[in-house]
C-alpha atoms as a PDB file:
ATOM      1  CA  MET A   1       0.000   0.000   0.000  1.00  0.00           C
ATOM      2  CA  ASP A   2       1.410   3.402  -0.993  1.00  0.00           C
ATOM      3  CA  ALA A   3       0.508   5.830   1.779  1.00  0.00           C
ATOM      4  CA  GLY A   4       2.755   8.603   0.485  1.00  0.00           C
ATOM      5  CA  TYR A   5       5.648   8.109   2.899  1.00  0.00           C
ATOM      6  CA  SER A   6       9.282   7.201   2.312  1.00  0.00           C
ATOM      7  CA  ILE A   7      11.572   5.653   4.893  1.00  0.00           C
ATOM      8  CA  ARG A   8      15.340   5.331   4.973  1.00  0.00           C
ATOM      9  CA  THR A   9      17.427   2.229   4.517  1.00  0.00           C
ATOM     10  CA  THR A  10      19.538   1.190   7.508  1.00  0.00           C
ATOM     11  CA  LEU A  11      22.462  -1.142   8.018  1.00  0.00           C
ATOM     12  CA  PRO A  12      21.746  -4.248  10.103  1.00  0.00           C
ATOM     13  CA  SER A  13      23.263  -4.241  13.574  1.00  0.00           C
ATOM     14  CA  VAL A  14      26.176  -6.534  14.305  1.00  0.00           C
ATOM     15  CA  GLY A  15      24.211  -7.968  17.232  1.00  0.00           C
ATOM     16  CA  ALA A  16      21.382  -9.041  14.936  1.00  0.00           C
ATOM     17  CA  ALA A  17      23.839 -10.522  12.429  1.00  0.00           C
ATOM     18  CA  ILE A  18      25.607 -12.518  15.141  1.00  0.00           C
ATOM     19  CA  GLY A  19      22.256 -13.695  16.467  1.00  0.00           C
ATOM     20  CA  THR A  20      21.214 -14.929  13.021  1.00  0.00           C
ATOM     21  CA  ALA A  21      24.570 -16.660  12.622  1.00  0.00           C
ATOM     22  CA  VAL A  22      24.460 -18.452  15.987  1.00  0.00           C
ATOM     23  CA  HIS A  23      20.876 -19.533  15.251  1.00  0.00           C
ATOM     24  CA  ALA A  24      22.167 -21.145  12.051  1.00  0.00           C
ATOM     25  CA  GLY A  25      24.833 -22.946  14.058  1.00  0.00           C
ATOM     26  CA  LEU A  26      22.267 -24.226  16.564  1.00  0.00           C
ATOM     27  CA  GLN A  27      20.048 -25.417  13.725  1.00  0.00           C
ATOM     28  CA  ARG A  28      23.018 -27.417  12.430  1.00  0.00           C
ATOM     29  CA  LEU A  29      23.471 -29.015  15.865  1.00  0.00           C
ATOM     30  CA  PHE A  30      19.810 -30.033  15.981  1.00  0.00           C
ATOM     31  CA  GLU A  31      20.032 -31.491  12.469  1.00  0.00           C
ATOM     32  CA  LEU A  32      23.040 -33.541  13.553  1.00  0.00           C
ATOM     33  CA  LYS A  33      21.185 -34.703  16.667  1.00  0.00           C
ATOM     34  CA  ILE A  34      18.170 -35.813  14.633  1.00  0.00           C
ATOM     35  CA  ASN A  35      20.440 -37.704  12.231  1.00  0.00           C
ATOM     36  CA  GLY A  36      22.408 -39.632  14.803  1.00  0.00           C
ATOM     37  CA  GLY A  37      23.897 -37.429  17.471  1.00  0.00           C
ATOM     38  CA  ILE A  38      25.982 -34.338  18.099  1.00  0.00           C
ATOM     39  CA  PRO A  39      29.657 -35.017  17.268  1.00  0.00           C
ATOM     40  CA  GLU A  40      32.459 -33.813  19.477  1.00  0.00           C
ATOM     41  CA  LYS A  41      33.721 -31.535  16.696  1.00  0.00           C
ATOM     42  CA  ASN A  42      31.655 -28.379  16.688  1.00  0.00           C
ATOM     43  CA  ASP A  43      31.191 -27.680  12.990  1.00  0.00           C
ATOM     44  CA  ALA A  44      28.260 -25.439  13.960  1.00  0.00           C
ATOM     45  CA  ALA A  45      30.786 -22.600  14.233  1.00  0.00           C
ATOM     46  CA  ASP A  46      31.787 -23.017  10.584  1.00  0.00           C
ATOM     47  CA  VAL A  47      28.126 -22.835   9.531  1.00  0.00           C
ATOM     48  CA  ALA A  48      27.563 -19.801  11.765  1.00  0.00           C
ATOM     49  CA  ILE A  49      30.584 -17.850  10.526  1.00  0.00           C
ATOM     50  CA  THR A  50      29.582 -18.471   6.908  1.00  0.00           C
ATOM     51  CA  LYS A  51      26.095 -17.197   7.718  1.00  0.00           C
ATOM     52  CA  PHE A  52      27.529 -14.151   9.484  1.00  0.00           C
ATOM     53  CA  GLU A  53      29.665 -13.232   6.487  1.00  0.00           C
ATOM     54  CA  ASP A  54      26.583 -13.455   4.276  1.00  0.00           C
ATOM     55  CA  GLU A  55      24.695 -11.160   6.665  1.00  0.00           C
ATOM     56  CA  ALA A  56      27.639  -8.729   6.786  1.00  0.00           C
ATOM     57  CA  GLY A  57      28.082  -8.613   3.023  1.00  0.00           C
ATOM     58  CA  ASN A  58      26.528  -5.164   2.582  1.00  0.00           C
ATOM     59  CA  GLY A  59      27.894  -3.654   5.784  1.00  0.00           C
ATOM     60  CA  LEU A  60      27.034  -3.663   9.479  1.00  0.00           C
ATOM     61  CA  GLU A  61      26.442  -1.215  12.304  1.00  0.00           C
ATOM     62  CA  TRP A  62      29.212  -2.167  14.760  1.00  0.00           C
ATOM     63  CA  ASP A  63      28.984  -1.497  18.503  1.00  0.00           C
ATOM     64  CA  ASP A  64      31.115  -1.430  21.647  1.00  0.00           C
ATOM     65  CA  THR A  65      30.646  -5.161  22.311  1.00  0.00           C
ATOM     66  CA  THR A  66      31.638  -6.234  18.801  1.00  0.00           C
ATOM     67  CA  GLN A  67      33.973  -3.705  17.210  1.00  0.00           C
ATOM     68  CA  SER A  68      35.424  -5.721  14.337  1.00  0.00           C
ATOM     69  CA  LEU A  69      35.169  -8.823  12.158  1.00  0.00           C
ATOM     70  CA  ARG A  70      37.885 -10.553  14.208  1.00  0.00           C
ATOM     71  CA  VAL A  71      35.971 -10.014  17.447  1.00  0.00           C
ATOM     72  CA  ALA A  72      32.732 -11.188  15.800  1.00  0.00           C
ATOM     73  CA  HIS A  73      34.370 -14.461  14.731  1.00  0.00           C
ATOM     74  CA  ILE A  74      35.666 -15.064  18.274  1.00  0.00           C
ATOM     75  CA  GLN A  75      32.250 -14.385  19.786  1.00  0.00           C
ATOM     76  CA  ILE A  76      30.432 -16.593  17.272  1.00  0.00           C
ATOM     77  CA  ALA A  77      32.756 -19.537  17.895  1.00  0.00           C
ATOM     78  CA  ARG A  78      32.360 -19.220  21.662  1.00  0.00           C
ATOM     79  CA  MET A  79      28.587 -18.793  21.472  1.00  0.00           C
ATOM     80  CA  CYS A  80      28.243 -21.821  19.207  1.00  0.00           C
ATOM     81  CA  ALA A  81      30.238 -23.884  21.695  1.00  0.00           C
ATOM     82  CA  ALA A  82      27.969 -22.698  24.522  1.00  0.00           C
ATOM     83  CA  SER A  83      24.832 -23.391  22.476  1.00  0.00           C
ATOM     84  CA  ARG A  84      25.642 -27.105  22.465  1.00  0.00           C
ATOM     85  CA  GLU A  85      23.936 -27.146  25.882  1.00  0.00           C
ATOM     86  CA  VAL A  86      20.657 -26.198  24.172  1.00  0.00           C
ATOM     87  CA  ALA A  87      20.989 -28.941  21.570  1.00  0.00           C
ATOM     88  CA  LYS A  88      21.881 -31.551  24.200  1.00  0.00           C
ATOM     89  CA  ARG A  89      18.993 -30.595  26.498  1.00  0.00           C
ATOM     90  CA  ILE A  90      16.150 -30.674  23.928  1.00  0.00           C
ATOM     91  CA  GLN A  91      14.893 -33.608  21.884  1.00  0.00           C
ATOM     92  CA  PRO A  92      13.532 -31.745  18.851  1.00  0.00           C
ATOM     93  CA  CYS A  93      10.229 -32.329  17.099  1.00  0.00           C
ATOM     94  CA  LEU A  94      10.195 -29.155  14.945  1.00  0.00           C
ATOM     95  CA  VAL A  95      13.326 -27.123  14.195  1.00  0.00           C
ATOM     96  CA  GLU A  96      13.338 -23.678  12.522  1.00  0.00           C
ATOM     97  CA  GLU A  97       9.784 -24.342  11.372  1.00  0.00           C
ATOM     98  CA  ALA A  98       7.887 -21.647   9.447  1.00  0.00           C
ATOM     99  CA  LEU A  99       4.242 -21.652  10.589  1.00  0.00           C
ATOM    100  CA  LYS A 100       1.153 -19.664   9.660  1.00  0.00           C
ATOM    101  CA  ALA A 101      -2.509 -19.498  10.613  1.00  0.00           C
ATOM    102  CA  GLU A 102      -5.493 -17.348   9.680  1.00  0.00           C
ATOM    103  CA  VAL A 103      -6.740 -14.807  12.208  1.00  0.00           C
ATOM    104  CA  PRO A 104      -9.910 -12.634  12.056  1.00  0.00           C
ATOM    105  CA  ASN A 105     -10.665 -10.128   9.289  1.00  0.00           C
ATOM    106  CA  GLY A 106      -8.640 -11.958   6.642  1.00  0.00           C
ATOM    107  CA  TYR A 107      -5.246 -11.498   8.282  1.00  0.00           C
ATOM    108  CA  GLU A 108      -2.559 -14.138   8.715  1.00  0.00           C
ATOM    109  CA  LEU A 109      -0.301 -14.841  11.683  1.00  0.00           C
ATOM    110  CA  THR A 110       3.134 -16.142  10.772  1.00  0.00           C
ATOM    111  CA  GLY A 111       6.106 -17.195  12.853  1.00  0.00           C
ATOM    112  CA  HIS A 112       9.390 -19.040  12.638  1.00  0.00           C
ATOM    113  CA  VAL A 113       9.730 -21.379  15.628  1.00  0.00           C
ATOM    114  CA  ASP A 114      13.282 -22.119  16.766  1.00  0.00           C
ATOM    115  CA  VAL A 115      12.516 -25.514  18.304  1.00  0.00           C
ATOM    116  CA  PHE A 116       9.502 -27.441  19.577  1.00  0.00           C
ATOM    117  CA  GLY A 117      10.506 -30.401  21.697  1.00  0.00           C
ATOM    118  CA  MET A 118       9.073 -33.885  21.993  1.00  0.00           C
ATOM    119  CA  ASP A 119       8.039 -32.860  25.530  1.00  0.00           C
ATOM    120  CA  GLY A 120       5.671 -30.217  24.134  1.00  0.00           C
ATOM    121  CA  ILE A 121       7.866 -27.268  25.136  1.00  0.00           C
ATOM    122  CA  VAL A 122       8.415 -24.333  22.788  1.00  0.00           C
ATOM    123  CA  THR A 123      11.950 -22.941  23.113  1.00  0.00           C
ATOM    124  CA  ASP A 124      12.985 -19.629  21.618  1.00  0.00           C
ATOM    125  CA  PHE A 125      16.747 -19.135  21.427  1.00  0.00           C
ATOM    126  CA  LYS A 126      17.804 -15.547  22.070  1.00  0.00           C
ATOM    127  CA  THR A 127      21.159 -13.819  21.856  1.00  0.00           C
ATOM    128  CA  GLY A 128      22.034 -10.263  22.725  1.00  0.00           C
ATOM    129  CA  ALA A 129      23.228  -7.935  25.444  1.00  0.00           C
ATOM    130  CA  LEU A 130      20.023  -7.891  27.535  1.00  0.00           C
ATOM    131  CA  GLU A 131      17.528 -10.621  28.397  1.00  0.00           C
ATOM    132  CA  ARG A 132      13.821  -9.823  28.009  1.00  0.00           C
ATOM    133  CA  PRO A 133      10.647 -11.862  28.704  1.00  0.00           C
ATOM    134  CA  TYR A 134       9.086 -12.001  25.167  1.00  0.00           C
ATOM    135  CA  GLN A 135       5.739 -13.385  26.423  1.00  0.00           C
ATOM    136  CA  ALA A 136       3.727 -12.274  23.379  1.00  0.00           C
ATOM    137  CA  GLN A 137       6.194 -13.811  20.935  1.00  0.00           C
ATOM    138  CA  LEU A 138       6.277 -17.110  22.815  1.00  0.00           C
ATOM    139  CA  GLY A 139       2.489 -17.123  23.052  1.00  0.00           C
ATOM    140  CA  GLY A 140       2.230 -16.530  19.305  1.00  0.00           C
ATOM    141  CA  TYR A 141       4.432 -19.551  18.658  1.00  0.00           C
ATOM    142  CA  ALA A 142       2.274 -21.631  20.997  1.00  0.00           C
ATOM    143  CA  LEU A 143      -0.903 -20.592  19.138  1.00  0.00           C
ATOM    144  CA  LEU A 144       0.676 -21.454  15.781  1.00  0.00           C
ATOM    145  CA  ILE A 145       1.880 -24.861  16.942  1.00  0.00           C
ATOM    146  CA  GLU A 146      -1.513 -25.674  18.448  1.00  0.00           C
ATOM    147  CA  GLU A 147      -3.098 -24.725  15.130  1.00  0.00           C
ATOM    148  CA  ARG A 148      -0.815 -27.332  13.530  1.00  0.00           C
ATOM    149  CA  GLY A 149      -2.400 -29.930  15.820  1.00  0.00           C
ATOM    150  CA  PHE A 150       0.286 -30.362  18.491  1.00  0.00           C
ATOM    151  CA  GLN A 151      -0.235 -30.073  22.238  1.00  0.00           C
ATOM    152  CA  VAL A 152       1.896 -27.326  23.774  1.00  0.00           C
ATOM    153  CA  ASN A 153       2.871 -27.910  27.407  1.00  0.00           C
ATOM    154  CA  GLY A 154       5.032 -24.856  28.024  1.00  0.00           C
ATOM    155  CA  VAL A 155       7.158 -22.042  26.629  1.00  0.00           C
ATOM    156  CA  GLN A 156      10.698 -20.988  27.525  1.00  0.00           C
ATOM    157  CA  ILE A 157      13.627 -18.808  26.508  1.00  0.00           C
ATOM    158  CA  ALA A 158      17.207 -20.040  26.165  1.00  0.00           C
ATOM    159  CA  PHE A 159      19.248 -16.836  26.353  1.00  0.00           C
ATOM    160  CA  LEU A 160      22.900 -16.639  25.370  1.00  0.00           C
ATOM    161  CA  ARG A 161      24.585 -13.325  26.036  1.00  0.00           C
ATOM    162  CA  ARG A 162      26.857 -11.758  23.425  1.00  0.00           C
ATOM    163  CA  THR A 163      29.736 -11.396  25.867  1.00  0.00           C
ATOM    164  CA  PRO A 164      32.655  -9.036  25.157  1.00  0.00           C
ATOM    165  CA  SER A 165      35.666 -10.954  23.835  1.00  0.00           C
ATOM    166  CA  SER A 166      37.736  -9.778  26.818  1.00  0.00           C
ATOM    167  CA  LYS A 167      35.471 -11.743  29.202  1.00  0.00           C
ATOM    168  CA  SER A 168      34.561 -15.405  29.551  1.00  0.00           C
ATOM    169  CA  GLN A 169      31.494 -16.486  27.606  1.00  0.00           C
ATOM    170  CA  ASP A 170      28.384 -16.676  29.772  1.00  0.00           C
ATOM    171  CA  ALA A 171      26.481 -19.968  29.894  1.00  0.00           C
ATOM    172  CA  VAL A 172      22.963 -20.292  28.509  1.00  0.00           C
ATOM    173  CA  HIS A 173      20.318 -18.889  30.851  1.00  0.00           C
ATOM    174  CA  TRP A 174      16.944 -20.660  30.826  1.00  0.00           C
ATOM    175  CA  SER A 175      13.698 -18.894  31.751  1.00  0.00           C
ATOM    176  CA  THR A 176      10.174 -20.324  31.702  1.00  0.00           C
ATOM    177  CA  GLN A 177       7.122 -18.158  31.005  1.00  0.00           C
ATOM    178  CA  ASN A 178       3.513 -18.905  31.933  1.00  0.00           C
ATOM    179  CA  LEU A 179       1.887 -20.562  28.920  1.00  0.00           C
ATOM    180  CA  GLU A 180      -1.641 -19.170  29.276  1.00  0.00           C
ATOM    181  CA  THR A 181      -0.416 -15.660  30.087  1.00  0.00           C
ATOM    182  CA  SER A 182       1.856 -15.770  27.029  1.00  0.00           C
ATOM    183  CA  LYS A 183      -0.990 -16.857  24.762  1.00  0.00           C
ATOM    184  CA  MET A 184      -3.234 -14.071  26.108  1.00  0.00           C
ATOM    185  CA  ALA A 185      -0.440 -11.534  25.565  1.00  0.00           C
ATOM    186  CA  ALA A 186      -0.036 -12.801  22.000  1.00  0.00           C
ATOM    187  CA  TRP A 187      -3.746 -12.581  21.243  1.00  0.00           C
ATOM    188  CA  ALA A 188      -3.989  -9.053  22.691  1.00  0.00           C
ATOM    189  CA  THR A 189      -1.006  -7.985  20.562  1.00  0.00           C
ATOM    190  CA  ILE A 190      -2.510  -9.526  17.426  1.00  0.00           C
ATOM    191  CA  GLN A 191      -5.792  -7.683  17.979  1.00  0.00           C
ATOM    192  CA  ASP A 192      -3.960  -4.406  18.603  1.00  0.00           C
ATOM    193  CA  ILE A 193      -1.954  -4.763  15.370  1.00  0.00           C
ATOM    194  CA  ILE A 194      -5.120  -5.492  13.378  1.00  0.00           C
ATOM    195  CA  ARG A 195      -6.915  -2.451  14.855  1.00  0.00           C
ATOM    196  CA  THR A 196      -3.920  -0.216  14.189  1.00  0.00           C
ATOM    197  CA  TRP A 197      -3.454  -1.378  10.614  1.00  0.00           C
ATOM    198  CA  ASP A 198      -7.159  -1.037   9.851  1.00  0.00           C
ATOM    199  CA  GLN A 199      -7.080   2.552  11.142  1.00  0.00           C
ATOM    200  CA  PHE A 200      -3.911   3.416   9.218  1.00  0.00           C
ATOM    201  CA  SER A 201      -5.278   1.872   6.004  1.00  0.00           C
ATOM    202  CA  VAL A 202      -8.168   4.334   6.131  1.00  0.00           C
ATOM    203  CA  SER A 203      -6.498   7.474   7.502  1.00  0.00           C
ATOM    204  CA  HIS A 204      -2.823   7.085   6.418  1.00  0.00           C
ATOM    205  CA  ASP A 205      -2.118   8.916   9.682  1.00  0.00           C
ATOM    206  CA  PRO A 206       1.169   7.705  11.252  1.00  0.00           C
ATOM    207  CA  TRP A 207      -0.008   8.858  14.679  1.00  0.00           C
ATOM    208  CA  VAL A 208      -2.340   5.869  14.914  1.00  0.00           C
ATOM    209  CA  ILE A 209       0.835   3.745  15.204  1.00  0.00           C
ATOM    210  CA  ASN A 210       2.401   4.081  18.633  1.00  0.00           C
ATOM    211  CA  ALA A 211       6.017   5.213  18.575  1.00  0.00           C
ATOM    212  CA  ASN A 212       8.333   4.224  21.404  1.00  0.00           C
ATOM    213  CA  PRO A 213      11.009   6.928  21.753  1.00  0.00           C
ATOM    214  CA  MET A 214      12.034   5.490  25.153  1.00  0.00           C
ATOM    215  CA  SER A 215      13.359   2.382  23.408  1.00  0.00           C
ATOM    216  CA  MET A 216      17.076   2.035  22.620  1.00  0.00           C
ATOM    217  CA  MET A 217      15.897   1.200  19.088  1.00  0.00           C
ATOM    218  CA  CYS A 218      14.588   4.771  18.633  1.00  0.00           C
ATOM    219  CA  ARG A 219      17.796   5.820  16.912  1.00  0.00           C
ATOM    220  CA  ALA A 220      18.668   6.653  13.329  1.00  0.00           C
ATOM    221  CA  GLN A 221      20.919   3.606  12.948  1.00  0.00           C
ATOM    222  CA  PHE A 222      18.141   1.210  13.998  1.00  0.00           C
ATOM    223  CA  CYS A 223      14.855   2.700  12.769  1.00  0.00           C
ATOM    224  CA  PRO A 224      14.268   3.480   9.071  1.00  0.00           C
ATOM    225  CA  ALA A 225      11.375   5.783  10.008  1.00  0.00           C
ATOM    226  CA  HIS A 226      13.537   7.881  12.353  1.00  0.00           C
ATOM    227  CA  SER A 227      13.492  11.604  11.439  1.00  0.00           C
ATOM    228  CA  THR A 228      11.344  11.029   8.345  1.00  0.00           C
ATOM    229  CA  GLU A 229       7.916  12.437   7.535  1.00  0.00           C
ATOM    230  CA  PHE A 230       6.421   9.184   8.827  1.00  0.00           C
ATOM    231  CA  CYS A 231       7.808   9.585  12.358  1.00  0.00           C
ATOM    232  CA  LYS A 232       9.145  12.877  13.674  1.00  0.00           C
ATOM    233  CA  MET A 233       9.583  11.622  17.244  1.00  0.00           C
ATOM    234  CA  GLY A 234      13.336  11.356  16.715  1.00  0.00           C
ATOM    235  CA  CYS A 235      13.757  14.800  15.133  1.00  0.00           C
END
């Protein structure tokens, strides 16, 4: 839909690129587990570094935690080694599964589930500098998996910090969220997005979409709408 606005292009952050890369490495570990077991040699790091270089091909926004390609490679290798704990702990049923389901008013809910275990637990693997709860995202995954016909027994986050290369790599931190609360948070978020989009489709007024200038992501390097006609909150 052309609403008459233009937004800027932005470089991906190095944190996001490393996260995508380590996810690819973990996926490789789960594939190996499904096909006979995780070998002692951690070739997940090779897969992850290749993925990172693909992500970095058009440039990255570097930060204080990852200042260079050399540091990124060190962090990826260490994070892939630490992520073996995730692969060893979970017996996978679905891995990196793209799911979708219809929701009211002709809309579609989509999601890419990191891993759904044989025990009925949805696990979302997160990397980054700060750990957050992500209830609505986990609840959305649970709704999608239930729509596929599986029974979901719980939702959890496996968080792996992107630790500075000068420090020892942190271990994976596991956190469980309440399943029903997460599903309610997801459904409330879905309804809010539908209402907002329906209003914007009629009015083309950007003020019907809530901006969040208190977020660290409200910066020019992260948000393509920052300081444009669409959102002047960052001006």
